[in-house]
């Protein structure tokens, strides 16, 4: 589902942490097309957060943006 967006070049290092039966935390590295606007990038990342929260039931995502390499860590 996440990688069906053609603007996403790669997804790797998916980590899910389940400290108890009620919570799940996750992180994933996402490499995006470098010709995207900031608004497009934010929409893609928001969609990834939504998918993680609805499908995998992740309750917290941490976002780090590395603009020099267009790599995003959700």
Protein backbone atom coordinates (compact mmCIF):
# COMPACT_ATOMS: atom_id res chain seq x y z
CA UNK A 1 0.00 0.00 0.00
CA UNK A 2 2.70 2.49 0.93
CA UNK A 3 4.92 1.71 -2.04
CA UNK A 4 2.07 1.96 -4.58
CA UNK A 5 2.79 5.72 -4.91
CA UNK A 6 5.12 6.26 -7.89
CA UNK A 7 6.72 9.26 -6.14
CA UNK A 8 8.14 6.90 -3.52
CA UNK A 9 11.45 5.54 -4.82
CA UNK A 10 12.15 3.12 -2.00
CA UNK A 11 11.07 2.08 1.45
CA UNK A 12 13.42 0.29 3.82
CA UNK A 13 14.32 -0.24 7.47
CA UNK A 14 10.77 -0.76 8.69
CA UNK A 15 10.87 -1.28 12.46
CA UNK A 16 7.84 -2.01 14.61
CA UNK A 17 8.00 -2.00 18.39
CA UNK A 18 5.23 -3.49 20.49
CA UNK A 19 6.01 -2.77 24.17
CA UNK A 20 2.64 -4.19 25.27
CA UNK A 21 -0.57 -5.54 23.77
CA UNK A 22 -2.15 -2.07 23.46
CA UNK A 23 0.60 -0.07 21.76
CA UNK A 24 2.68 -0.31 18.60
CA UNK A 25 5.39 2.14 17.56
CA UNK A 26 7.02 2.22 14.16
CA UNK A 27 9.62 3.82 11.97
CA UNK A 28 10.43 3.46 8.29
CA UNK A 29 12.91 5.10 5.91
CA UNK A 30 11.28 6.52 2.78
CA UNK A 31 13.18 7.83 -0.26
CA UNK A 32 11.14 10.20 -2.43
CA UNK A 33 11.50 11.65 -5.90
CA UNK A 34 13.63 14.78 -5.54
CA UNK A 35 11.39 16.94 -7.75
CA UNK A 36 8.53 17.08 -5.25
CA UNK A 37 7.29 20.22 -3.57
CA UNK A 38 7.15 20.46 0.20
CA UNK A 39 3.35 20.26 0.07
CA UNK A 40 3.52 17.02 -1.97
CA UNK A 41 6.05 15.59 0.46
CA UNK A 42 3.89 16.43 3.47
CA UNK A 43 0.85 14.77 1.83
CA UNK A 44 2.82 11.60 1.10
CA UNK A 45 4.13 11.44 4.67
CA UNK A 46 0.67 12.06 6.10
CA UNK A 47 -0.67 9.19 3.97
CA UNK A 48 2.09 6.91 5.28
CA UNK A 49 1.23 7.88 8.86
CA UNK A 50 -2.44 7.14 8.16
CA UNK A 51 -1.68 3.73 6.68
CA UNK A 52 0.56 2.84 9.62
CA UNK A 53 -2.10 3.90 12.11
CA UNK A 54 -5.05 2.20 10.38
CA UNK A 55 -3.55 -0.97 8.95
CA UNK A 56 -0.73 -1.77 11.39
CA UNK A 57 -2.25 0.14 14.35
CA UNK A 58 0.90 2.18 14.99
CA UNK A 59 0.07 4.78 17.65
CA UNK A 60 3.16 6.98 17.27
CA UNK A 61 5.39 7.93 14.35
CA UNK A 62 8.53 10.03 14.51
CA UNK A 63 9.37 12.16 11.48
CA UNK A 64 12.85 13.25 10.46
CA UNK A 65 13.50 14.96 7.15
CA UNK A 66 16.86 14.92 5.43
CA UNK A 67 16.39 17.41 2.61
CA UNK A 68 19.85 16.98 1.14
CA UNK A 69 19.19 13.41 0.05
CA UNK A 70 15.39 13.54 -0.06
CA UNK A 71 15.21 10.76 2.49
CA UNK A 72 12.46 10.83 5.04
CA UNK A 73 12.17 8.82 8.18
CA UNK A 74 8.63 8.39 9.38
